[in-house]
Amino acid sequence: KQWYQRRVAITAGGQPQTFLLEGREGKMVLEGAKPGDWVKVNPEQIGVFRVKYSEALLQRLLPIVKNQALSAADRLGIQEDLFALAKAGYCATPDLLTLMGSYVNERNYVVLGSINTN
């Protein structure tokens, strides 16, 4: 049996919070988050793990990716996670294609380079 324990940072509606995740999965209560708020797990990509968002959470991220309200590191991380999950068969290709539409205004070389090579 493997034991996982890692600190997970989450931004909910722009408010950073930190949790200790014990195990491969977990549930966290986001203080101050309101229904409909966007949630970005692993802000600035400080942790070494992939994030699989539910379809509803991914939909909430689309507008802030499109208007570049997130940092380049976060925009990079979201698409790299989804590409990796799609390649491994853990998410649907249409979800990935929908996300790619949000990068229409992207101008960051690193983010665009990653999209191009994925």
Protein backbone atom coordinates (compact mmCIF):
# COMPACT_ATOMS: atom_id res chain seq x y z
CA LYS A 1 0.00 0.00 0.00
CA GLN A 2 1.36 3.38 -0.98
CA TRP A 3 0.92 6.34 1.33
CA TYR A 4 0.49 9.76 -0.20
CA GLN A 5 0.69 12.94 1.77
CA ARG A 6 1.11 16.27 0.11
CA ARG A 7 0.22 19.86 0.62
CA VAL A 8 -2.32 21.07 -1.93
CA ALA A 9 -2.90 24.72 -2.68
CA ILE A 10 -6.25 25.76 -4.09
CA THR A 11 -7.49 29.13 -5.25
CA ALA A 12 -11.25 29.48 -5.03
CA GLY A 13 -12.61 32.66 -6.53
CA GLY A 14 -9.18 34.23 -6.15
CA GLN A 15 -8.67 33.32 -2.46
CA PRO A 16 -5.71 30.97 -1.83
CA GLN A 17 -6.08 28.10 0.63
CA THR A 18 -3.84 25.18 1.57
CA PHE A 19 -4.82 21.62 2.53
CA LEU A 20 -3.01 18.44 3.48
CA LEU A 21 -4.04 15.60 1.19
CA GLU A 22 -3.63 12.15 2.70
CA GLY A 23 -4.12 9.50 0.07
CA ARG A 24 -4.59 9.61 -3.68
CA GLU A 25 -7.91 11.46 -3.41
CA GLY A 26 -9.63 13.68 -0.93
CA LYS A 27 -12.39 16.16 -0.31
CA MET A 28 -11.75 19.65 0.94
CA VAL A 29 -14.10 22.34 2.19
CA LEU A 30 -13.22 25.67 0.60
CA GLU A 31 -13.77 28.44 3.12
CA GLY A 32 -15.53 31.47 1.68
CA ALA A 33 -16.17 29.89 -1.71
CA LYS A 34 -19.60 30.55 -3.17
CA PRO A 35 -21.52 28.33 -5.57
CA GLY A 36 -20.35 29.11 -9.08
CA ASP A 37 -16.87 30.34 -8.05
CA TRP A 38 -13.98 29.10 -10.16
CA VAL A 39 -11.42 26.84 -8.50
CA LYS A 40 -7.77 26.45 -9.56
CA VAL A 41 -5.95 23.56 -7.91
CA ASN A 42 -2.17 23.77 -7.67
CA PRO A 43 -1.79 27.52 -8.33
CA GLU A 44 1.46 28.46 -10.05
CA GLN A 45 2.04 24.70 -10.54
CA ILE A 46 4.02 24.39 -7.30
CA GLY A 47 3.06 20.74 -6.75
CA VAL A 48 4.18 17.82 -8.90
CA PHE A 49 0.86 16.16 -9.71
CA ARG A 50 -1.90 16.27 -12.32
CA VAL A 51 -5.29 17.82 -11.68
CA LYS A 52 -8.47 16.40 -13.18
CA TYR A 53 -11.29 18.93 -12.97
CA SER A 54 -14.93 17.96 -13.14
CA GLU A 55 -16.73 19.19 -16.25
CA ALA A 56 -18.49 21.87 -14.18
CA LEU A 57 -15.25 23.19 -12.66
CA LEU A 58 -13.53 23.14 -16.04
CA GLN A 59 -16.37 25.19 -17.53
CA ARG A 60 -15.87 27.83 -14.82
CA LEU A 61 -12.19 28.10 -15.72
CA LEU A 62 -12.79 28.71 -19.43
CA PRO A 63 -13.61 32.45 -19.22
CA ILE A 64 -10.69 33.26 -16.92
CA VAL A 65 -8.31 31.37 -19.20
CA LYS A 66 -9.71 33.23 -22.21
CA ASN A 67 -9.39 36.69 -20.63
CA GLN A 68 -6.02 35.73 -19.12
CA ALA A 69 -7.08 36.45 -15.54
CA LEU A 70 -4.82 33.56 -14.48
CA SER A 71 -1.03 33.68 -14.60
CA ALA A 72 0.79 32.15 -17.55
CA ALA A 73 1.95 29.33 -15.25
CA ASP A 74 -1.65 28.51 -14.35
CA ARG A 75 -2.84 28.69 -17.97
CA LEU A 76 0.06 26.40 -18.91
CA GLY A 77 -0.73 23.97 -16.10
CA ILE A 78 -4.42 23.64 -16.92
CA GLN A 79 -3.82 22.69 -20.54
CA GLU A 80 -0.83 20.46 -19.79
CA ASP A 81 -2.82 18.54 -17.17
CA LEU A 82 -5.77 18.07 -19.52
CA PHE A 83 -3.54 17.01 -22.44
CA ALA A 84 -1.79 14.44 -20.23
CA LEU A 85 -5.08 13.11 -18.88
CA ALA A 86 -6.58 12.86 -22.38
CA LYS A 87 -3.51 11.01 -23.69
CA ALA A 88 -3.80 8.56 -20.78
CA GLY A 89 -7.54 8.08 -21.36
CA TYR A 90 -8.67 9.78 -18.14
CA CYS A 91 -10.68 12.58 -19.75
CA ALA A 92 -12.70 13.07 -22.90
CA THR A 93 -11.15 14.61 -26.00
CA PRO A 94 -14.12 17.01 -26.44
CA ASP A 95 -13.30 18.52 -23.02
CA LEU A 96 -9.76 19.15 -24.22
CA LEU A 97 -10.95 20.69 -27.48
CA THR A 98 -13.36 22.96 -25.61
CA LEU A 99 -10.51 24.12 -23.38
CA MET A 100 -8.30 24.85 -26.41
CA GLY A 101 -10.90 27.36 -27.62
CA SER A 102 -10.18 29.41 -24.49
CA TYR A 103 -6.60 30.02 -25.59
CA VAL A 104 -7.66 32.13 -28.58
CA ASN A 105 -6.12 35.26 -26.99
CA GLU A 106 -2.99 33.53 -25.71
CA ARG A 107 0.25 35.40 -26.41
CA ASN A 108 2.65 33.74 -23.97
CA TYR A 109 5.39 31.88 -25.86
CA VAL A 110 5.73 29.07 -23.30
CA VAL A 111 1.99 28.39 -23.17
CA LEU A 112 1.67 28.47 -26.98
CA GLY A 113 4.74 26.25 -27.36
CA SER A 114 3.26 23.68 -25.02
CA ILE A 115 -0.05 23.67 -26.88
CA ASN A 116 1.85 23.25 -30.16
CA THR A 117 3.89 20.28 -28.93
CA ASN A 118 1.01 18.52 -27.20
